[in-house]
Amino acid sequence: MANLTPFEIRLELLKMAQTMVEQDYYAKREVIANQYSTECDDAKVQGKTPPNHPGFPPYPSESEVIAKAQTLNTFVSNIPLETKPKKV
């Protein structure tokens, strides 16, 4: 990344944030799916009724992506969290 404008940098941060929250979401889904599969297998072995599926977490919202991008921007900009102006 050479000579990016502030707008391009923010866009890249948004893309990075989107990727990060999606990866986290899919990792959580995978954990839930694996746990459920294990519970179903255990229930079959024990002759019990398989448990109900616990469901998956909601897909990341726009506000979650923006919050992650703001966190990344704070790090990249090297702005200490204590000195950030408070929102009114």
Protein backbone atom coordinates (compact mmCIF):
# COMPACT_ATOMS: atom_id res chain seq x y z
CA MET A 1 0.00 0.00 0.00
CA ALA A 2 1.78 3.08 -1.18
CA ASN A 3 0.46 6.63 -1.05
CA LEU A 4 -3.13 5.81 -0.19
CA THR A 5 -5.54 8.63 0.46
CA PRO A 6 -7.33 8.75 3.85
CA PHE A 7 -10.49 7.52 2.10
CA GLU A 8 -8.66 4.53 0.64
CA ILE A 9 -7.13 3.74 4.02
CA ARG A 10 -10.57 3.78 5.67
CA LEU A 11 -11.92 1.54 2.93
CA GLU A 12 -9.08 -0.92 3.48
CA LEU A 13 -9.74 -0.86 7.23
CA LEU A 14 -13.42 -1.60 6.60
CA LYS A 15 -12.53 -4.51 4.33
CA MET A 16 -10.11 -5.86 6.93
CA ALA A 17 -12.70 -5.46 9.69
CA GLN A 18 -15.34 -7.24 7.60
CA THR A 19 -12.99 -10.15 7.02
CA MET A 20 -12.09 -10.35 10.70
CA VAL A 21 -15.67 -10.36 12.01
CA GLU A 22 -16.73 -12.88 9.35
CA GLN A 23 -13.86 -15.20 10.27
CA ASP A 24 -14.84 -14.94 13.93
CA TYR A 25 -18.48 -15.65 13.05
CA TYR A 26 -17.65 -18.73 10.99
CA ALA A 27 -15.27 -20.00 13.67
CA LYS A 28 -18.07 -19.75 16.26
CA ARG A 29 -20.45 -21.56 13.89
CA GLU A 30 -17.89 -24.32 13.41
CA VAL A 31 -17.49 -24.78 17.17
CA ILE A 32 -21.26 -24.99 17.67
CA ALA A 33 -21.65 -27.44 14.76
CA ASN A 34 -18.85 -29.66 16.07
CA GLN A 35 -20.23 -29.66 19.62
CA TYR A 36 -23.72 -30.48 18.35
CA SER A 37 -22.38 -33.30 16.18
CA THR A 38 -20.51 -34.74 19.14
CA GLU A 39 -23.61 -34.50 21.35
CA CYS A 40 -25.70 -36.26 18.68
CA ASP A 41 -23.13 -39.03 18.31
CA ASP A 42 -22.99 -39.48 22.08
CA ALA A 43 -26.79 -39.61 22.27
CA LYS A 44 -26.90 -42.30 19.56
CA VAL A 45 -24.30 -44.41 21.36
CA GLN A 46 -26.24 -44.10 24.61
CA GLY A 47 -29.57 -44.80 22.90
CA LYS A 48 -30.96 -41.39 23.79
CA THR A 49 -32.84 -38.85 21.72
CA PRO A 50 -30.50 -36.39 20.02
CA PRO A 51 -30.61 -32.88 21.51
CA ASN A 52 -32.19 -29.95 19.74
CA HIS A 53 -29.81 -27.85 17.67
CA PRO A 54 -28.74 -24.82 19.73
CA GLY A 55 -28.80 -22.49 16.73
CA PHE A 56 -26.09 -20.25 15.40
CA PRO A 57 -25.12 -16.73 16.42
CA PRO A 58 -26.49 -13.89 14.29
CA TYR A 59 -24.45 -12.82 11.31
CA PRO A 60 -22.25 -9.80 12.10
CA SER A 61 -24.04 -6.50 11.73
CA GLU A 62 -22.82 -3.36 10.03
CA SER A 63 -22.28 -1.74 13.42
CA GLU A 64 -20.02 -4.63 14.50
CA VAL A 65 -17.92 -4.21 11.36
CA ILE A 66 -17.66 -0.46 11.92
CA ALA A 67 -16.73 -0.96 15.58
CA LYS A 68 -13.95 -3.35 14.55
CA ALA A 69 -12.76 -0.88 11.89
CA GLN A 70 -12.67 1.89 14.49
CA THR A 71 -10.58 -0.31 16.76
CA LEU A 72 -8.18 -1.00 13.90
CA ASN A 73 -8.07 2.69 13.02
CA THR A 74 -7.25 3.59 16.62
CA PHE A 75 -4.36 1.14 16.55
CA VAL A 76 -3.11 2.24 13.14
CA SER A 77 -3.41 5.92 14.05
CA ASN A 78 -1.65 5.19 17.36
CA ILE A 79 -4.29 7.15 19.29
CA PRO A 80 -4.43 6.16 22.96
CA LEU A 81 -7.96 5.16 23.96
CA GLU A 82 -7.97 7.52 26.97
CA THR A 83 -7.41 10.64 24.84
CA LYS A 84 -10.08 10.01 22.24
CA PRO A 85 -12.78 12.70 22.25
CA LYS A 86 -16.02 11.53 23.82
CA LYS A 87 -19.14 11.29 21.70
CA VAL A 88 -21.94 13.59 22.70
